[in-house]
Amino acid sequence: MKHWHKRSMEEANLFNPAFLAVSIFQCVKGYGETARTNAPYVLPFLVTPLVLHKITRENIPRGVNTTFSTWITQRQGAHAKIGYPERTRSIAPYVKEALAFALANQLLTSNSDGSFNTNQNVAIPSRSNDNITDEILECFKKAHFCGRWLARAGKIETVMALLGVEP
């Protein structure tokens, strides 16, 4: 991973630790709301590449009634799998950096088993403003949706296999 000062403007904006931390917060929150348990450590590493990749983000269904296993084997989901393992590997250092930011700023707490849960006192804006664009809000909403969606998808190992990645 490049030192912060050596990142291009696009890279610095897209992989901004605060932005990614809020996206991760949203996916962990969605997972916890649905599963009624802590989110597994690997969840942010699975969701972030889905949410950051614009074409994939735009093809994620609007409701959890479309199961993950159905979606990933249909045309829209199959497109998401193209290059997914490489995207996941390439952004892993940025996800780790964002997790450190989220933990240091108390958006998330880590448990002894490595799982995460959210700080219930954190409120994420739901409307765009001068600092938050519609696209940023869409990333936050899709991250929350993906957390809920993957909580309903069964074992996280199955989700990983469907995405073509290994621990």
Foldseek 3Di string as FASTA:
>chain_A
DDDQVPDDPVCCVLLVLQLLLLLLLLLQALLCVQLVDFAALCLSLQLSLQLSPVQSLVLDDPDLVCAPLNSCPDDSNVVSLVCRQVSSVVCVVSNVSSVVVCCVVQQWDADPNRTIHGDPPDDDDQDDDPVRDPSSNSSSVSSNVNSNRVSPRPDVQVVCVSSPHDD
